[in-house]
Amino acid sequence: MTPVHFAFSSAFILGLTGLAFHRTHLLSALLCLEGMMLSLFIALSLWAVQLNSTSFCTAPMLLLAFSACEASAGLALLVATARTHGTDHLKSLNLLQC
């Protein structure tokens, strides 16, 4: 495994462990998701460059577009949660109260 592949793999794993273990605030969960998407975008971009094929060059842009949509939906949920519950703590969210 090259150092570049190790760096992106470890960045993805760190984002995943942050998402799994530090679930106190919704904002920290969203930041972990964005870190994971950023590492996937860079890894997919480098993979497309290494293959030297034009058919794979659109995949990183498609992933970036989905990442932007995910970020906007997450921020909209964060604002809605902060307005209705007064906090962004994940423990205050209860799906049975809806």
N, C-alpha and C. Protein backbone atom coordinates (compact mmCIF):
# COMPACT_ATOMS: atom_id res chain seq x y z
N MET A 1 0.86 -1.17 0.00
CA MET A 1 0.00 0.00 0.00
C MET A 1 0.90 1.24 0.00
N THR A 2 0.66 2.12 -0.94
CA THR A 2 1.47 3.33 -1.03
C THR A 2 1.08 4.31 0.08
N PRO A 3 1.94 5.26 0.40
CA PRO A 3 1.59 6.24 1.44
C PRO A 3 0.35 7.08 1.10
N VAL A 4 0.13 7.32 -0.18
CA VAL A 4 -1.05 8.09 -0.58
C VAL A 4 -2.33 7.29 -0.31
N HIS A 5 -2.31 6.01 -0.67
CA HIS A 5 -3.48 5.17 -0.39
C HIS A 5 -3.69 5.01 1.10
N PHE A 6 -2.61 4.91 1.85
CA PHE A 6 -2.74 4.79 3.30
C PHE A 6 -3.33 6.07 3.90
N ALA A 7 -2.94 7.22 3.37
CA ALA A 7 -3.45 8.49 3.90
C ALA A 7 -4.96 8.61 3.66
N PHE A 8 -5.42 8.26 2.46
CA PHE A 8 -6.85 8.38 2.19
C PHE A 8 -7.65 7.31 2.91
N SER A 9 -7.09 6.13 3.04
CA SER A 9 -7.79 5.08 3.80
C SER A 9 -7.90 5.45 5.27
N SER A 10 -6.82 5.99 5.82
CA SER A 10 -6.87 6.38 7.24
C SER A 10 -7.78 7.57 7.45
N ALA A 11 -7.86 8.50 6.49
CA ALA A 11 -8.79 9.63 6.61
C ALA A 11 -10.23 9.15 6.60
N PHE A 12 -10.53 8.18 5.74
CA PHE A 12 -11.88 7.63 5.70
C PHE A 12 -12.21 6.88 6.98
N ILE A 13 -11.26 6.09 7.48
CA ILE A 13 -11.49 5.33 8.71
C ILE A 13 -11.63 6.26 9.91
N LEU A 14 -10.85 7.35 9.95
CA LEU A 14 -10.99 8.31 11.05
C LEU A 14 -12.36 9.00 11.01
N GLY A 15 -12.84 9.33 9.83
CA GLY A 15 -14.18 9.90 9.72
C GLY A 15 -15.26 8.92 10.14
N LEU A 16 -15.07 7.67 9.79
CA LEU A 16 -16.04 6.64 10.17
C LEU A 16 -16.05 6.40 11.68
N THR A 17 -14.87 6.35 12.29
CA THR A 17 -14.84 6.17 13.75
C THR A 17 -15.36 7.40 14.47
N GLY A 18 -15.10 8.58 13.93
CA GLY A 18 -15.68 9.79 14.52
C GLY A 18 -17.18 9.78 14.45
N LEU A 19 -17.71 9.30 13.35
CA LEU A 19 -19.16 9.20 13.21
C LEU A 19 -19.74 8.15 14.14
N ALA A 20 -19.01 7.08 14.36
CA ALA A 20 -19.52 5.99 15.19
C ALA A 20 -19.43 6.28 16.68
N PHE A 21 -18.37 6.95 17.12
CA PHE A 21 -18.14 7.08 18.56
C PHE A 21 -18.44 8.45 19.15
N HIS A 22 -18.39 9.50 18.37
CA HIS A 22 -18.62 10.84 18.90
C HIS A 22 -19.95 11.38 18.40
N ARG A 23 -21.02 10.79 18.89
CA ARG A 23 -22.36 11.14 18.42
C ARG A 23 -23.08 12.03 19.43
N THR A 24 -22.45 13.12 19.83
CA THR A 24 -23.14 14.00 20.77
C THR A 24 -23.88 15.12 20.05
N HIS A 25 -23.28 15.70 19.04
CA HIS A 25 -23.90 16.80 18.30
C HIS A 25 -24.14 16.39 16.86
N LEU A 26 -25.19 16.95 16.29
CA LEU A 26 -25.49 16.68 14.89
C LEU A 26 -24.45 17.32 13.98
N LEU A 27 -23.91 18.46 14.39
CA LEU A 27 -22.89 19.13 13.59
C LEU A 27 -21.61 18.31 13.49
N SER A 28 -21.22 17.64 14.57
CA SER A 28 -20.01 16.80 14.51
C SER A 28 -20.24 15.58 13.62
N ALA A 29 -21.45 15.05 13.61
CA ALA A 29 -21.75 13.93 12.71
C ALA A 29 -21.71 14.38 11.25
N LEU A 30 -22.22 15.58 10.98
CA LEU A 30 -22.17 16.10 9.62
C LEU A 30 -20.74 16.38 9.17
N LEU A 31 -19.91 16.87 10.07
CA LEU A 31 -18.50 17.11 9.73
C LEU A 31 -17.77 15.81 9.45
N CYS A 32 -18.07 14.76 10.21
CA CYS A 32 -17.45 13.46 9.93
C CYS A 32 -17.89 12.92 8.57
N LEU A 33 -19.16 13.09 8.24
CA LEU A 33 -19.63 12.67 6.92
C LEU A 33 -18.95 13.45 5.80
N GLU A 34 -18.74 14.74 6.01
CA GLU A 34 -18.07 15.55 4.99
C GLU A 34 -16.61 15.15 4.84
N GLY A 35 -15.96 14.80 5.94
CA GLY A 35 -14.58 14.32 5.86
C GLY A 35 -14.48 13.01 5.10
N MET A 36 -15.44 12.13 5.32
CA MET A 36 -15.47 10.87 4.58
C MET A 36 -15.70 11.10 3.10
N MET A 37 -16.61 12.01 2.77
CA MET A 37 -16.88 12.29 1.36
C MET A 37 -15.69 12.97 0.68
N LEU A 38 -14.97 13.81 1.41
CA LEU A 38 -13.80 14.46 0.85
C LEU A 38 -12.69 13.45 0.56
N SER A 39 -12.48 12.52 1.47
CA SER A 39 -11.47 11.50 1.22
C SER A 39 -11.86 10.59 0.07
N LEU A 40 -13.15 10.28 -0.05
CA LEU A 40 -13.61 9.49 -1.20
C LEU A 40 -13.45 10.25 -2.51
N PHE A 41 -13.71 11.56 -2.48
CA PHE A 41 -13.57 12.36 -3.70
C PHE A 41 -12.12 12.41 -4.16
N ILE A 42 -11.20 12.63 -3.24
CA ILE A 42 -9.79 12.71 -3.62
C ILE A 42 -9.28 11.35 -4.08
N ALA A 43 -9.69 10.29 -3.41
CA ALA A 43 -9.26 8.95 -3.83
C ALA A 43 -9.83 8.60 -5.20
N LEU A 44 -11.08 8.95 -5.46
CA LEU A 44 -11.67 8.66 -6.76
C LEU A 44 -11.03 9.51 -7.86
N SER A 45 -10.66 10.74 -7.52
CA SER A 45 -9.97 11.59 -8.50
C SER A 45 -8.60 11.03 -8.85
N LEU A 46 -7.86 10.59 -7.85
CA LEU A 46 -6.55 10.02 -8.13
C LEU A 46 -6.66 8.70 -8.89
N TRP A 47 -7.71 7.95 -8.61
CA TRP A 47 -7.91 6.69 -9.33
C TRP A 47 -8.21 6.96 -10.80
N ALA A 48 -9.01 8.00 -11.07
CA ALA A 48 -9.32 8.35 -12.46
C ALA A 48 -8.08 8.86 -13.19
N VAL A 49 -7.20 9.57 -12.49
CA VAL A 49 -5.97 10.06 -13.11
C VAL A 49 -5.01 8.90 -13.39
N GLN A 50 -4.94 7.95 -12.49
CA GLN A 50 -4.03 6.81 -12.67
C GLN A 50 -4.46 5.91 -13.82
N LEU A 51 -5.76 5.82 -14.08
CA LEU A 51 -6.25 4.95 -15.16
C LEU A 51 -6.08 5.57 -16.54
N ASN A 52 -5.91 6.89 -16.60
CA ASN A 52 -5.76 7.61 -17.86
C ASN A 52 -6.90 7.33 -18.84
N SER A 53 -8.09 7.27 -18.33
CA SER A 53 -9.26 7.03 -19.16
C SER A 53 -10.23 8.19 -19.00
N THR A 54 -10.80 8.64 -20.10
CA THR A 54 -11.73 9.77 -20.02
C THR A 54 -13.11 9.35 -19.54
N SER A 55 -13.41 8.07 -19.57
CA SER A 55 -14.74 7.64 -19.13
C SER A 55 -14.89 7.69 -17.61
N PHE A 56 -13.79 7.67 -16.87
CA PHE A 56 -13.87 7.71 -15.40
C PHE A 56 -13.72 9.12 -14.84
N CYS A 57 -13.51 10.11 -15.69
CA CYS A 57 -13.29 11.47 -15.21
C CYS A 57 -14.56 12.14 -14.69
N THR A 58 -15.72 11.64 -15.07
CA THR A 58 -16.96 12.25 -14.59
C THR A 58 -17.38 11.72 -13.22
N ALA A 59 -16.83 10.62 -12.79
CA ALA A 59 -17.22 10.03 -11.51
C ALA A 59 -16.89 10.93 -10.32
N PRO A 60 -15.70 11.57 -10.25
CA PRO A 60 -15.46 12.47 -9.11
C PRO A 60 -16.40 13.68 -9.09
N MET A 61 -16.75 14.20 -10.24
CA MET A 61 -17.67 15.34 -10.28
C MET A 61 -19.08 14.93 -9.85
N LEU A 62 -19.48 13.74 -10.21
CA LEU A 62 -20.78 13.23 -9.78
C LEU A 62 -20.80 13.02 -8.27
N LEU A 63 -19.71 12.49 -7.73
CA LEU A 63 -19.62 12.32 -6.28
C LEU A 63 -19.61 13.66 -5.57
N LEU A 64 -18.94 14.65 -6.14
CA LEU A 64 -18.91 15.99 -5.55
C LEU A 64 -20.29 16.63 -5.57
N ALA A 65 -21.06 16.40 -6.62
CA ALA A 65 -22.42 16.94 -6.68
C ALA A 65 -23.31 16.29 -5.63
N PHE A 66 -23.20 14.97 -5.47
CA PHE A 66 -23.97 14.30 -4.43
C PHE A 66 -23.54 14.73 -3.04
N SER A 67 -22.26 15.00 -2.87
CA SER A 67 -21.76 15.46 -1.58
C SER A 67 -22.30 16.84 -1.24
N ALA A 68 -22.40 17.71 -2.24
CA ALA A 68 -22.97 19.04 -2.01
C ALA A 68 -24.45 18.95 -1.65
N CYS A 69 -25.17 18.05 -2.30
CA CYS A 69 -26.59 17.85 -1.97
C CYS A 69 -26.75 17.28 -0.56
N GLU A 70 -25.87 16.37 -0.19
CA GLU A 70 -25.90 15.79 1.16
C GLU A 70 -25.59 16.85 2.21
N ALA A 71 -24.65 17.72 1.92
CA ALA A 71 -24.30 18.77 2.87
C ALA A 71 -25.43 19.77 3.04
N SER A 72 -26.08 20.13 1.95
CA SER A 72 -27.18 21.09 2.06
C SER A 72 -28.37 20.48 2.80
N ALA A 73 -28.65 19.21 2.55
CA ALA A 73 -29.75 18.56 3.27
C ALA A 73 -29.41 18.42 4.75
N GLY A 74 -28.15 18.13 5.06
CA GLY A 74 -27.74 18.03 6.46
C GLY A 74 -27.82 19.36 7.19
N LEU A 75 -27.42 20.43 6.53
CA LEU A 75 -27.52 21.75 7.17
C LEU A 75 -28.96 22.18 7.34
N ALA A 76 -29.81 21.82 6.39
CA ALA A 76 -31.24 22.14 6.53
C ALA A 76 -31.84 21.38 7.71
N LEU A 77 -31.45 20.11 7.87
CA LEU A 77 -31.93 19.35 9.03
C LEU A 77 -31.37 19.91 10.34
N LEU A 78 -30.14 20.38 10.30
CA LEU A 78 -29.54 20.98 11.50
C LEU A 78 -30.29 22.23 11.92
N VAL A 79 -30.61 23.09 10.97
CA VAL A 79 -31.35 24.32 11.28
C VAL A 79 -32.76 23.99 11.76
N ALA A 80 -33.43 23.04 11.11
CA ALA A 80 -34.78 22.66 11.54
C ALA A 80 -34.77 22.04 12.94
N THR A 81 -33.77 21.24 13.22
CA THR A 81 -33.67 20.63 14.54
C THR A 81 -33.37 21.66 15.61
N ALA A 82 -32.50 22.59 15.30
CA ALA A 82 -32.17 23.64 16.27
C ALA A 82 -33.36 24.53 16.53
N ARG A 83 -34.20 24.75 15.54
CA ARG A 83 -35.38 25.59 15.75
C ARG A 83 -36.46 24.88 16.55
N THR A 84 -36.67 23.60 16.29
CA THR A 84 -37.76 22.89 16.96
C THR A 84 -37.35 22.41 18.35
N HIS A 85 -36.13 21.90 18.50
CA HIS A 85 -35.72 21.33 19.77
C HIS A 85 -34.85 22.27 20.60
N GLY A 86 -34.31 23.30 20.00
CA GLY A 86 -33.49 24.25 20.73
C GLY A 86 -32.04 23.83 20.88
N THR A 87 -31.67 22.66 20.42
CA THR A 87 -30.30 22.17 20.53
C THR A 87 -30.03 21.21 19.38
N ASP A 88 -28.73 20.93 19.19
CA ASP A 88 -28.39 19.96 18.15
C ASP A 88 -27.85 18.67 18.75
N HIS A 89 -28.14 18.44 20.01
CA HIS A 89 -27.73 17.18 20.64
C HIS A 89 -28.53 16.03 20.04
N LEU A 90 -27.85 14.96 19.71
CA LEU A 90 -28.53 13.82 19.11
C LEU A 90 -29.36 13.05 20.13
N LYS A 91 -29.03 13.19 21.42
CA LYS A 91 -29.81 12.48 22.43
C LYS A 91 -31.19 13.10 22.63
N SER A 92 -31.35 14.37 22.25
CA SER A 92 -32.66 15.00 22.40
C SER A 92 -33.61 14.64 21.28
N LEU A 93 -33.09 14.04 20.21
CA LEU A 93 -33.93 13.66 19.09
C LEU A 93 -34.57 12.29 19.37
N ASN A 94 -35.87 12.23 19.20
CA ASN A 94 -36.59 10.98 19.43
C ASN A 94 -37.53 10.79 18.25
N LEU A 95 -37.37 9.71 17.52
CA LEU A 95 -38.21 9.46 16.36
C LEU A 95 -39.64 9.09 16.73
N LEU A 96 -39.85 8.63 17.95
CA LEU A 96 -41.19 8.23 18.37
C LEU A 96 -42.05 9.41 18.73
N GLN A 97 -41.46 10.60 18.93
CA GLN A 97 -42.24 11.78 19.30
C GLN A 97 -42.79 12.51 18.09
N CYS A 98 -42.37 12.19 16.90
CA CYS A 98 -42.84 12.91 15.71
C CYS A 98 -44.31 12.75 15.60
